[in-house]
């Protein structure tokens, strides 16, 4: 069940990140989900390092760190994906 939640959270974070990053991203949905999962893991690590990973109630700071990490990863992932694909779009 943990993997299912990771995929759901990764998908949601990835889609939020795609909405925040300006312009059109050319990465597919599966890559958006993977980058969202990595953003969640990175955001959790940053929150743990900052000492705000386990607060009472909703962990707002942890969620903020997750979204920021996902935005950075989606922006970088789109650049890498576009460079590897040669800037071509699939027909």
C-alpha atoms as a PDB file:
ATOM      1  CA  UNK A   1       0.000   0.000   0.000  1.00  0.00           C
ATOM      2  CA  UNK A   2       2.977   2.308   0.558  1.00  0.00           C
ATOM      3  CA  UNK A   3       3.898   2.176  -3.132  1.00  0.00           C
ATOM      4  CA  UNK A   4       0.370   3.140  -4.151  1.00  0.00           C
ATOM      5  CA  UNK A   5       0.487   6.213  -1.903  1.00  0.00           C
ATOM      6  CA  UNK A   6       3.939   7.109  -3.237  1.00  0.00           C
ATOM      7  CA  UNK A   7       2.605   7.010  -6.798  1.00  0.00           C
ATOM      8  CA  UNK A   8      -0.487   9.050  -5.924  1.00  0.00           C
ATOM      9  CA  UNK A   9       1.511  11.679  -4.018  1.00  0.00           C
ATOM     10  CA  UNK A  10       4.133  11.759  -6.776  1.00  0.00           C
ATOM     11  CA  UNK A  11       1.467  12.291  -9.417  1.00  0.00           C
ATOM     12  CA  UNK A  12      -0.174  15.104  -7.462  1.00  0.00           C
ATOM     13  CA  UNK A  13       3.141  16.797  -6.651  1.00  0.00           C
ATOM     14  CA  UNK A  14       4.320  16.445 -10.234  1.00  0.00           C
ATOM     15  CA  UNK A  15       1.130  17.985 -11.609  1.00  0.00           C
ATOM     16  CA  UNK A  16       1.314  20.862  -9.105  1.00  0.00           C
ATOM     17  CA  UNK A  17       4.944  21.417 -10.105  1.00  0.00           C
ATOM     18  CA  UNK A  18       4.018  21.423 -13.815  1.00  0.00           C
ATOM     19  CA  UNK A  19       1.366  24.048 -13.074  1.00  0.00           C
ATOM     20  CA  UNK A  20       3.883  26.240 -11.238  1.00  0.00           C
ATOM     21  CA  UNK A  21       6.754  25.984 -13.756  1.00  0.00           C
ATOM     22  CA  UNK A  22       6.215  28.653 -16.431  1.00  0.00           C
ATOM     23  CA  UNK A  23       5.765  27.592 -20.032  1.00  0.00           C
ATOM     24  CA  UNK A  24       4.817  24.256 -21.525  1.00  0.00           C
ATOM     25  CA  UNK A  25       6.623  21.171 -20.306  1.00  0.00           C
ATOM     26  CA  UNK A  26       7.185  18.335 -22.746  1.00  0.00           C
ATOM     27  CA  UNK A  27       7.752  15.532 -20.257  1.00  0.00           C
ATOM     28  CA  UNK A  28       5.307  12.609 -20.257  1.00  0.00           C
ATOM     29  CA  UNK A  29       3.021  11.820 -17.339  1.00  0.00           C
ATOM     30  CA  UNK A  30       5.111   8.853 -16.167  1.00  0.00           C
ATOM     31  CA  UNK A  31       8.196  11.063 -15.860  1.00  0.00           C
ATOM     32  CA  UNK A  32       6.160  13.762 -14.105  1.00  0.00           C
ATOM     33  CA  UNK A  33       5.075  11.152 -11.557  1.00  0.00           C
ATOM     34  CA  UNK A  34       8.629   9.887 -11.002  1.00  0.00           C
ATOM     35  CA  UNK A  35       9.940  13.431 -10.547  1.00  0.00           C
ATOM     36  CA  UNK A  36       7.074  14.129  -8.125  1.00  0.00           C
ATOM     37  CA  UNK A  37       8.009  11.049  -6.093  1.00  0.00           C
ATOM     38  CA  UNK A  38      11.645  12.165  -6.019  1.00  0.00           C
ATOM     39  CA  UNK A  39      10.498  15.661  -5.014  1.00  0.00           C
ATOM     40  CA  UNK A  40       8.524  14.182  -2.114  1.00  0.00           C
ATOM     41  CA  UNK A  41      11.541  12.182  -0.959  1.00  0.00           C
ATOM     42  CA  UNK A  42      13.831  15.202  -1.283  1.00  0.00           C
ATOM     43  CA  UNK A  43      11.352  17.483   0.477  1.00  0.00           C
ATOM     44  CA  UNK A  44      11.064  15.025   3.348  1.00  0.00           C
ATOM     45  CA  UNK A  45      14.858  14.903   3.679  1.00  0.00           C
ATOM     46  CA  UNK A  46      15.087  18.700   3.731  1.00  0.00           C
ATOM     47  CA  UNK A  47      12.293  18.931   6.315  1.00  0.00           C
ATOM     48  CA  UNK A  48      14.029  16.313   8.464  1.00  0.00           C
ATOM     49  CA  UNK A  49      17.323  18.227   8.236  1.00  0.00           C
ATOM     50  CA  UNK A  50      15.526  21.462   9.158  1.00  0.00           C
ATOM     51  CA  UNK A  51      13.836  19.765  12.122  1.00  0.00           C
ATOM     52  CA  UNK A  52      10.272  20.377  10.935  1.00  0.00           C
ATOM     53  CA  UNK A  53       9.368  16.889   9.730  1.00  0.00           C
ATOM     54  CA  UNK A  54       7.217  15.881  12.714  1.00  0.00           C
ATOM     55  CA  UNK A  55       5.036  18.693  13.996  1.00  0.00           C
ATOM     56  CA  UNK A  56       1.600  18.546  15.530  1.00  0.00           C
ATOM     57  CA  UNK A  57      -1.201  18.788  13.018  1.00  0.00           C
ATOM     58  CA  UNK A  58      -0.469  19.226   9.336  1.00  0.00           C
ATOM     59  CA  UNK A  59       3.217  19.410   8.422  1.00  0.00           C
ATOM     60  CA  UNK A  60       2.931  22.531   6.261  1.00  0.00           C
ATOM     61  CA  UNK A  61       6.673  23.111   6.050  1.00  0.00           C
ATOM     62  CA  UNK A  62       7.272  19.550   4.898  1.00  0.00           C
ATOM     63  CA  UNK A  63       4.696  20.013   2.139  1.00  0.00           C
ATOM     64  CA  UNK A  64       6.247  23.326   1.095  1.00  0.00           C
ATOM     65  CA  UNK A  65       9.673  21.680   0.838  1.00  0.00           C
ATOM     66  CA  UNK A  66       8.172  18.830  -1.192  1.00  0.00           C
ATOM     67  CA  UNK A  67       6.536  21.198  -3.674  1.00  0.00           C
ATOM     68  CA  UNK A  68       9.711  23.281  -4.047  1.00  0.00           C
ATOM     69  CA  UNK A  69      11.793  20.151  -4.652  1.00  0.00           C
ATOM     70  CA  UNK A  70       9.243  18.853  -7.181  1.00  0.00           C
ATOM     71  CA  UNK A  71       9.201  22.194  -9.035  1.00  0.00           C
ATOM     72  CA  UNK A  72      12.992  22.178  -9.309  1.00  0.00           C
ATOM     73  CA  UNK A  73      13.059  18.551 -10.481  1.00  0.00           C
ATOM     74  CA  UNK A  74      10.268  19.032 -13.045  1.00  0.00           C
ATOM     75  CA  UNK A  75      11.969  22.134 -14.468  1.00  0.00           C
ATOM     76  CA  UNK A  76      15.321  20.343 -14.717  1.00  0.00           C
ATOM     77  CA  UNK A  77      13.718  17.123 -15.941  1.00  0.00           C
ATOM     78  CA  UNK A  78      11.927  18.980 -18.738  1.00  0.00           C
ATOM     79  CA  UNK A  79      15.189  20.568 -19.894  1.00  0.00           C
ATOM     80  CA  UNK A  80      17.012  17.231 -19.868  1.00  0.00           C
ATOM     81  CA  UNK A  81      14.139  15.386 -21.549  1.00  0.00           C
ATOM     82  CA  UNK A  82      13.898  18.025 -24.285  1.00  0.00           C
ATOM     83  CA  UNK A  83      17.675  17.989 -24.820  1.00  0.00           C
ATOM     84  CA  UNK A  84      17.780  14.187 -25.052  1.00  0.00           C
ATOM     85  CA  UNK A  85      14.789  14.046 -27.387  1.00  0.00           C
ATOM     86  CA  UNK A  86      16.398  16.755 -29.562  1.00  0.00           C
ATOM     87  CA  UNK A  87      13.579  19.218 -29.057  1.00  0.00           C
ATOM     88  CA  UNK A  88      11.344  17.088 -31.284  1.00  0.00           C
ATOM     89  CA  UNK A  89       7.760  16.457 -30.450  1.00  0.00           C
ATOM     90  CA  UNK A  90       6.093  13.159 -31.132  1.00  0.00           C
ATOM     91  CA  UNK A  91       3.443  13.278 -33.841  1.00  0.00           C
END
